[in-house]
Amino acid sequence: HITAYSMERQGVITAERRKMTVQTDPGEIG
């Protein structure tokens, strides 16, 4: 992901994308 984004950002490729539900912080307990 990091490499593909970096390459697309600089015009090297057009990256393929897939939507993904990402957990960005745990719940309050534990």
PDB file of all heavy atoms in Angstrom:
ATOM      1  N   HIS A   1       0.832  -1.205   0.000  1.00  0.00           N
ATOM      2  CA  HIS A   1       0.000   0.000   0.000  1.00  0.00           C
ATOM      3  C   HIS A   1       0.864   1.251   0.000  1.00  0.00           C
ATOM      4  O   HIS A   1       0.640   2.180  -0.788  1.00  0.00           O
ATOM      5  CB  HIS A   1      -0.921   0.014   1.220  1.00  0.00           C
ATOM      6  CG  HIS A   1      -1.618   1.327   1.423  1.00  0.00           C
ATOM      7  ND1 HIS A   1      -2.757   1.682   0.733  1.00  0.00           N
ATOM      8  CD2 HIS A   1      -1.301   2.405   2.209  1.00  0.00           C
ATOM      9  CE1 HIS A   1      -3.133   2.908   1.082  1.00  0.00           C
ATOM     10  NE2 HIS A   1      -2.256   3.365   1.985  1.00  0.00           N
ATOM     11  N   ILE A   2       1.860   1.301   0.880  1.00  0.00           N
ATOM     12  CA  ILE A   2       2.726   2.479   0.959  1.00  0.00           C
ATOM     13  C   ILE A   2       3.447   2.700  -0.364  1.00  0.00           C
ATOM     14  O   ILE A   2       3.515   3.829  -0.877  1.00  0.00           O
ATOM     15  CB  ILE A   2       3.740   2.303   2.113  1.00  0.00           C
ATOM     16  CG1 ILE A   2       3.032   2.400   3.464  1.00  0.00           C
ATOM     17  CG2 ILE A   2       4.852   3.347   2.024  1.00  0.00           C
ATOM     18  CD1 ILE A   2       3.902   2.014   4.645  1.00  0.00           C
ATOM     19  N   THR A   3       3.973   1.629  -0.943  1.00  0.00           N
ATOM     20  CA  THR A   3       4.714   1.738  -2.201  1.00  0.00           C
ATOM     21  C   THR A   3       3.795   2.155  -3.341  1.00  0.00           C
ATOM     22  O   THR A   3       4.144   3.027  -4.148  1.00  0.00           O
ATOM     23  CB  THR A   3       5.393   0.399  -2.526  1.00  0.00           C
ATOM     24  OG1 THR A   3       6.187  -0.028  -1.410  1.00  0.00           O
ATOM     25  CG2 THR A   3       6.285   0.532  -3.749  1.00  0.00           C
ATOM     26  N   ALA A   4       2.617   1.544  -3.409  1.00  0.00           N
ATOM     27  CA  ALA A   4       1.680   1.861  -4.490  1.00  0.00           C
ATOM     28  C   ALA A   4       1.205   3.300  -4.392  1.00  0.00           C
ATOM     29  O   ALA A   4       1.110   4.007  -5.419  1.00  0.00           O
ATOM     30  CB  ALA A   4       0.488   0.900  -4.439  1.00  0.00           C
ATOM     31  N   TYR A   5       0.889   3.757  -3.182  1.00  0.00           N
ATOM     32  CA  TYR A   5       0.468   5.150  -3.029  1.00  0.00           C
ATOM     33  C   TYR A   5       1.593   6.097  -3.439  1.00  0.00           C
ATOM     34  O   TYR A   5       1.377   7.086  -4.152  1.00  0.00           O
ATOM     35  CB  TYR A   5       0.048   5.437  -1.590  1.00  0.00           C
ATOM     36  CG  TYR A   5      -0.106   6.919  -1.336  1.00  0.00           C
ATOM     37  CD1 TYR A   5      -1.164   7.636  -1.894  1.00  0.00           C
ATOM     38  CD2 TYR A   5       0.843   7.622  -0.592  1.00  0.00           C
ATOM     39  CE1 TYR A   5      -1.281   9.006  -1.703  1.00  0.00           C
ATOM     40  CE2 TYR A   5       0.733   8.982  -0.394  1.00  0.00           C
ATOM     41  CZ  TYR A   5      -0.326   9.675  -0.952  1.00  0.00           C
ATOM     42  OH  TYR A   5      -0.429  11.031  -0.780  1.00  0.00           O
ATOM     43  N   SER A   6       2.807   5.807  -2.980  1.00  0.00           N
ATOM     44  CA  SER A   6       3.945   6.649  -3.313  1.00  0.00           C
ATOM     45  C   SER A   6       4.165   6.710  -4.815  1.00  0.00           C
ATOM     46  O   SER A   6       4.404   7.786  -5.390  1.00  0.00           O
ATOM     47  CB  SER A   6       5.205   6.104  -2.624  1.00  0.00           C
ATOM     48  OG  SER A   6       6.329   6.891  -2.925  1.00  0.00           O
ATOM     49  N   MET A   7       4.075   5.572  -5.469  1.00  0.00           N
ATOM     50  CA  MET A   7       4.253   5.529  -6.925  1.00  0.00           C
ATOM     51  C   MET A   7       3.157   6.316  -7.634  1.00  0.00           C
ATOM     52  O   MET A   7       3.431   7.080  -8.575  1.00  0.00           O
ATOM     53  CB  MET A   7       4.254   4.079  -7.402  1.00  0.00           C
ATOM     54  CG  MET A   7       5.505   3.303  -7.059  1.00  0.00           C
ATOM     55  SD  MET A   7       5.399   1.594  -7.675  1.00  0.00           S
ATOM     56  CE  MET A   7       7.070   1.015  -7.400  1.00  0.00           C
ATOM     57  N   GLU A   8       1.911   6.150  -7.211  1.00  0.00           N
ATOM     58  CA  GLU A   8       0.828   6.896  -7.867  1.00  0.00           C
ATOM     59  C   GLU A   8       0.967   8.391  -7.607  1.00  0.00           C
ATOM     60  O   GLU A   8       0.763   9.205  -8.525  1.00  0.00           O
ATOM     61  CB  GLU A   8      -0.535   6.417  -7.378  1.00  0.00           C
ATOM     62  CG  GLU A   8      -1.672   7.238  -8.013  1.00  0.00           C
ATOM     63  CD  GLU A   8      -3.046   6.686  -7.760  1.00  0.00           C
ATOM     64  OE1 GLU A   8      -3.394   5.675  -8.396  1.00  0.00           O
ATOM     65  OE2 GLU A   8      -3.781   7.286  -6.939  1.00  0.00           O
ATOM     66  N   ARG A   9       1.310   8.764  -6.395  1.00  0.00           N
ATOM     67  CA  ARG A   9       1.465  10.174  -6.058  1.00  0.00           C
ATOM     68  C   ARG A   9       2.463  10.860  -6.973  1.00  0.00           C
ATOM     69  O   ARG A   9       2.323  12.055  -7.289  1.00  0.00           O
ATOM     70  CB  ARG A   9       1.910  10.284  -4.589  1.00  0.00           C
ATOM     71  CG  ARG A   9       2.162  11.695  -4.092  1.00  0.00           C
ATOM     72  CD  ARG A   9       2.469  11.726  -2.600  1.00  0.00           C
ATOM     73  NE  ARG A   9       3.688  11.044  -2.235  1.00  0.00           N
ATOM     74  CZ  ARG A   9       4.914  11.562  -2.341  1.00  0.00           C
ATOM     75  NH1 ARG A   9       5.068  12.785  -2.829  1.00  0.00           N
ATOM     76  NH2 ARG A   9       5.982  10.870  -1.969  1.00  0.00           N
ATOM     77  N   GLN A  10       3.456  10.118  -7.447  1.00  0.00           N
ATOM     78  CA  GLN A  10       4.522  10.692  -8.270  1.00  0.00           C
ATOM     79  C   GLN A  10       4.420  10.310  -9.751  1.00  0.00           C
ATOM     80  O   GLN A  10       5.352  10.524 -10.522  1.00  0.00           O
ATOM     81  CB  GLN A  10       5.879  10.265  -7.696  1.00  0.00           C
ATOM     82  CG  GLN A  10       6.095  10.815  -6.283  1.00  0.00           C
ATOM     83  CD  GLN A  10       7.289  10.214  -5.591  1.00  0.00           C
ATOM     84  OE1 GLN A  10       8.406  10.711  -5.724  1.00  0.00           O
ATOM     85  NE2 GLN A  10       7.079   9.147  -4.839  1.00  0.00           N
ATOM     86  N   GLY A  11       3.264   9.744 -10.144  1.00  0.00           N
ATOM     87  CA  GLY A  11       3.011   9.498 -11.551  1.00  0.00           C
ATOM     88  C   GLY A  11       3.670   8.268 -12.132  1.00  0.00           C
ATOM     89  O   GLY A  11       3.741   8.132 -13.362  1.00  0.00           O
ATOM     90  N   VAL A  12       4.124   7.342 -11.293  1.00  0.00           N
ATOM     91  CA  VAL A  12       4.766   6.133 -11.799  1.00  0.00           C
ATOM     92  C   VAL A  12       3.739   5.116 -12.270  1.00  0.00           C
ATOM     93  O   VAL A  12       3.929   4.436 -13.290  1.00  0.00           O
ATOM     94  CB  VAL A  12       5.668   5.509 -10.706  1.00  0.00           C
ATOM     95  CG1 VAL A  12       6.327   4.223 -11.194  1.00  0.00           C
ATOM     96  CG2 VAL A  12       6.727   6.508 -10.253  1.00  0.00           C
ATOM     97  N   ILE A  13       2.644   4.984 -11.529  1.00  0.00           N
ATOM     98  CA  ILE A  13       1.587   4.024 -11.855  1.00  0.00           C
ATOM     99  C   ILE A  13       0.228   4.664 -11.556  1.00  0.00           C
ATOM    100  O   ILE A  13       0.147   5.728 -10.932  1.00  0.00           O
ATOM    101  CB  ILE A  13       1.694   2.726 -11.021  1.00  0.00           C
ATOM    102  CG1 ILE A  13       1.470   3.031  -9.517  1.00  0.00           C
ATOM    103  CG2 ILE A  13       3.027   2.036 -11.257  1.00  0.00           C
ATOM    104  CD1 ILE A  13       1.314   1.786  -8.656  1.00  0.00           C
ATOM    105  N   THR A  14      -0.800   3.989 -11.994  1.00  0.00           N
ATOM    106  CA  THR A  14      -2.147   4.197 -11.463  1.00  0.00           C
ATOM    107  C   THR A  14      -2.442   2.994 -10.581  1.00  0.00           C
ATOM    108  O   THR A  14      -2.520   1.861 -11.070  1.00  0.00           O
ATOM    109  CB  THR A  14      -3.190   4.319 -12.577  1.00  0.00           C
ATOM    110  OG1 THR A  14      -2.890   5.447 -13.396  1.00  0.00           O
ATOM    111  CG2 THR A  14      -4.592   4.486 -11.990  1.00  0.00           C
ATOM    112  N   ALA A  15      -2.543   3.227  -9.297  1.00  0.00           N
ATOM    113  CA  ALA A  15      -2.686   2.118  -8.354  1.00  0.00           C
ATOM    114  C   ALA A  15      -4.064   1.492  -8.454  1.00  0.00           C
ATOM    115  O   ALA A  15      -5.052   2.148  -8.803  1.00  0.00           O
ATOM    116  CB  ALA A  15      -2.443   2.612  -6.930  1.00  0.00           C
ATOM    117  N   GLU A  16      -4.118   0.206  -8.153  1.00  0.00           N
ATOM    118  CA  GLU A  16      -5.400  -0.468  -7.987  1.00  0.00           C
ATOM    119  C   GLU A  16      -5.888  -0.213  -6.566  1.00  0.00           C
ATOM    120  O   GLU A  16      -5.097  -0.109  -5.630  1.00  0.00           O
ATOM    121  CB  GLU A  16      -5.250  -1.962  -8.248  1.00  0.00           C
ATOM    122  CG  GLU A  16      -4.861  -2.260  -9.695  1.00  0.00           C
ATOM    123  CD  GLU A  16      -4.794  -3.755  -9.993  1.00  0.00           C
ATOM    124  OE1 GLU A  16      -4.688  -4.549  -9.025  1.00  0.00           O
ATOM    125  OE2 GLU A  16      -4.846  -4.127 -11.171  1.00  0.00           O
ATOM    126  N   ARG A  17      -7.201  -0.120  -6.389  1.00  0.00           N
ATOM    127  CA  ARG A  17      -7.792   0.205  -5.101  1.00  0.00           C
ATOM    128  C   ARG A  17      -8.846  -0.817  -4.716  1.00  0.00           C
ATOM    129  O   ARG A  17      -9.574  -1.320  -5.574  1.00  0.00           O
ATOM    130  CB  ARG A  17      -8.464   1.586  -5.142  1.00  0.00           C
ATOM    131  CG  ARG A  17      -7.501   2.767  -5.213  1.00  0.00           C
ATOM    132  CD  ARG A  17      -8.266   4.020  -5.614  1.00  0.00           C
ATOM    133  NE  ARG A  17      -7.499   5.237  -5.394  1.00  0.00           N
ATOM    134  CZ  ARG A  17      -6.527   5.664  -6.193  1.00  0.00           C
ATOM    135  NH1 ARG A  17      -6.183   4.939  -7.255  1.00  0.00           N
ATOM    136  NH2 ARG A  17      -5.897   6.787  -5.934  1.00  0.00           N
ATOM    137  N   ARG A  18      -8.910  -1.081  -3.423  1.00  0.00           N
ATOM    138  CA  ARG A  18     -10.045  -1.843  -2.891  1.00  0.00           C
ATOM    139  C   ARG A  18     -10.455  -1.197  -1.586  1.00  0.00           C
ATOM    140  O   ARG A  18      -9.616  -0.795  -0.775  1.00  0.00           O
ATOM    141  CB  ARG A  18      -9.703  -3.319  -2.694  1.00  0.00           C
ATOM    142  CG  ARG A  18      -8.685  -3.600  -1.622  1.00  0.00           C
ATOM    143  CD  ARG A  18      -8.392  -5.088  -1.519  1.00  0.00           C
ATOM    144  NE  ARG A  18      -7.382  -5.382  -0.509  1.00  0.00           N
ATOM    145  CZ  ARG A  18      -7.644  -5.641   0.770  1.00  0.00           C
ATOM    146  NH1 ARG A  18      -8.914  -5.631   1.193  1.00  0.00           N
ATOM    147  NH2 ARG A  18      -6.677  -5.911   1.623  1.00  0.00           N
ATOM    148  N   LYS A  19     -11.742  -1.081  -1.404  1.00  0.00           N
ATOM    149  CA  LYS A  19     -12.244  -0.497  -0.168  1.00  0.00           C
ATOM    150  C   LYS A  19     -12.089  -1.487   0.973  1.00  0.00           C
ATOM    151  O   LYS A  19     -12.351  -2.682   0.824  1.00  0.00           O
ATOM    152  CB  LYS A  19     -13.724  -0.103  -0.323  1.00  0.00           C
ATOM    153  CG  LYS A  19     -13.947   1.083  -1.241  1.00  0.00           C
ATOM    154  CD  LYS A  19     -13.418   2.377  -0.622  1.00  0.00           C
ATOM    155  CE  LYS A  19     -13.768   3.590  -1.462  1.00  0.00           C
ATOM    156  NZ  LYS A  19     -13.242   4.844  -0.868  1.00  0.00           N
ATOM    157  N   MET A  20     -11.657  -0.979   2.125  1.00  0.00           N
ATOM    158  CA  MET A  20     -11.448  -1.831   3.282  1.00  0.00           C
ATOM    159  C   MET A  20     -11.868  -1.079   4.534  1.00  0.00           C
ATOM    160  O   MET A  20     -11.556   0.110   4.686  1.00  0.00           O
ATOM    161  CB  MET A  20      -9.968  -2.218   3.371  1.00  0.00           C
ATOM    162  CG  MET A  20      -9.611  -3.118   4.545  1.00  0.00           C
ATOM    163  SD  MET A  20      -7.875  -3.645   4.460  1.00  0.00           S
ATOM    164  CE  MET A  20      -7.756  -4.576   5.992  1.00  0.00           C
ATOM    165  N   THR A  21     -12.594  -1.748   5.397  1.00  0.00           N
ATOM    166  CA  THR A  21     -12.966  -1.159   6.673  1.00  0.00           C
ATOM    167  C   THR A  21     -11.795  -1.316   7.630  1.00  0.00           C
ATOM    168  O   THR A  21     -11.361  -2.433   7.919  1.00  0.00           O
ATOM    169  CB  THR A  21     -14.223  -1.819   7.248  1.00  0.00           C
ATOM    170  OG1 THR A  21     -15.295  -1.663   6.311  1.00  0.00           O
ATOM    171  CG2 THR A  21     -14.621  -1.167   8.554  1.00  0.00           C
ATOM    172  N   VAL A  22     -11.263  -0.197   8.077  1.00  0.00           N
ATOM    173  CA  VAL A  22     -10.027  -0.175   8.854  1.00  0.00           C
ATOM    174  C   VAL A  22     -10.344   0.192  10.292  1.00  0.00           C
ATOM    175  O   VAL A  22     -11.009   1.201  10.555  1.00  0.00           O
ATOM    176  CB  VAL A  22      -9.036   0.848   8.246  1.00  0.00           C
ATOM    177  CG1 VAL A  22      -7.810   0.997   9.135  1.00  0.00           C
ATOM    178  CG2 VAL A  22      -8.627   0.413   6.846  1.00  0.00           C
ATOM    179  N   GLN A  23      -9.885  -0.648  11.253  1.00  0.00           N
ATOM    180  CA  GLN A  23     -10.018  -0.297  12.667  1.00  0.00           C
ATOM    181  C   GLN A  23      -8.920   0.701  12.998  1.00  0.00           C
ATOM    182  O   GLN A  23      -7.738   0.425  12.858  1.00  0.00           O
ATOM    183  CB  GLN A  23      -9.881  -1.526  13.557  1.00  0.00           C
ATOM    184  CG  GLN A  23      -9.981  -1.180  15.046  1.00  0.00           C
ATOM    185  CD  GLN A  23      -9.984  -2.409  15.931  1.00  0.00           C
ATOM    186  OE1 GLN A  23     -10.621  -3.397  15.631  1.00  0.00           O
ATOM    187  NE2 GLN A  23      -9.253  -2.334  17.032  1.00  0.00           N
ATOM    188  N   THR A  24      -9.316   1.891  13.443  1.00  0.00           N
ATOM    189  CA  THR A  24      -8.355   2.963  13.677  1.00  0.00           C
ATOM    190  C   THR A  24      -8.102   3.243  15.146  1.00  0.00           C
ATOM    191  O   THR A  24      -7.155   3.939  15.474  1.00  0.00           O
ATOM    192  CB  THR A  24      -8.844   4.260  13.001  1.00  0.00           C
ATOM    193  OG1 THR A  24     -10.162   4.573  13.471  1.00  0.00           O
ATOM    194  CG2 THR A  24      -8.875   4.101  11.502  1.00  0.00           C
ATOM    195  N   ASP A  25      -8.894   2.721  16.047  1.00  0.00           N
ATOM    196  CA  ASP A  25      -8.623   2.773  17.485  1.00  0.00           C
ATOM    197  C   ASP A  25      -9.496   1.736  18.163  1.00  0.00           C
ATOM    198  O   ASP A  25     -10.629   1.493  17.745  1.00  0.00           O
ATOM    199  CB  ASP A  25      -8.911   4.161  18.074  1.00  0.00           C
ATOM    200  CG  ASP A  25      -7.636   4.993  18.197  1.00  0.00           C
ATOM    201  OD1 ASP A  25      -6.619   4.439  18.637  1.00  0.00           O
ATOM    202  OD2 ASP A  25      -7.658   6.181  17.833  1.00  0.00           O
ATOM    203  N   PRO A  26      -8.989   1.102  19.246  1.00  0.00           N
ATOM    204  CA  PRO A  26      -9.774   0.090  19.941  1.00  0.00           C
ATOM    205  C   PRO A  26     -10.881   0.719  20.765  1.00  0.00           C
ATOM    206  O   PRO A  26     -10.933   1.942  20.928  1.00  0.00           O
ATOM    207  CB  PRO A  26      -8.732  -0.590  20.838  1.00  0.00           C
ATOM    208  CG  PRO A  26      -7.741   0.481  21.109  1.00  0.00           C
ATOM    209  CD  PRO A  26      -7.679   1.323  19.840  1.00  0.00           C
ATOM    210  N   GLY A  27     -11.742  -0.126  21.302  1.00  0.00           N
ATOM    211  CA  GLY A  27     -12.815   0.363  22.144  1.00  0.00           C
ATOM    212  C   GLY A  27     -12.303   0.828  23.500  1.00  0.00           C
ATOM    213  O   GLY A  27     -11.127   0.752  23.821  1.00  0.00           O
ATOM    214  N   GLU A  28     -13.216   1.305  24.312  1.00  0.00           N
ATOM    215  CA  GLU A  28     -12.844   1.890  25.590  1.00  0.00           C
ATOM    216  C   GLU A  28     -12.314   0.850  26.571  1.00  0.00           C
ATOM    217  O   GLU A  28     -11.457   1.138  27.388  1.00  0.00           O
ATOM    218  CB  GLU A  28     -14.070   2.581  26.192  1.00  0.00           C
ATOM    219  CG  GLU A  28     -13.784   3.298  27.499  1.00  0.00           C
ATOM    220  CD  GLU A  28     -14.981   4.090  27.993  1.00  0.00           C
ATOM    221  OE1 GLU A  28     -16.011   4.066  27.325  1.00  0.00           O
ATOM    222  OE2 GLU A  28     -14.867   4.727  29.037  1.00  0.00           O
ATOM    223  N   ILE A  29     -12.802  -0.369  26.473  1.00  0.00           N
ATOM    224  CA  ILE A  29     -12.406  -1.386  27.446  1.00  0.00           C
ATOM    225  C   ILE A  29     -11.332  -2.269  26.829  1.00  0.00           C
ATOM    226  O   ILE A  29     -11.585  -3.077  25.945  1.00  0.00           O
ATOM    227  CB  ILE A  29     -13.613  -2.253  27.857  1.00  0.00           C
ATOM    228  CG1 ILE A  29     -14.750  -1.370  28.361  1.00  0.00           C
ATOM    229  CG2 ILE A  29     -13.182  -3.255  28.918  1.00  0.00           C
ATOM    230  CD1 ILE A  29     -14.373  -0.522  29.565  1.00  0.00           C
ATOM    231  N   GLY A  30     -10.091  -2.092  27.293  1.00  0.00           N
ATOM    232  CA  GLY A  30      -9.030  -3.014  26.896  1.00  0.00           C
ATOM    233  C   GLY A  30      -8.417  -2.719  25.555  1.00  0.00           C
ATOM    234  O   GLY A  30      -9.060  -2.868  24.526  1.00  0.00           O
TER     235      GLY A  30
END
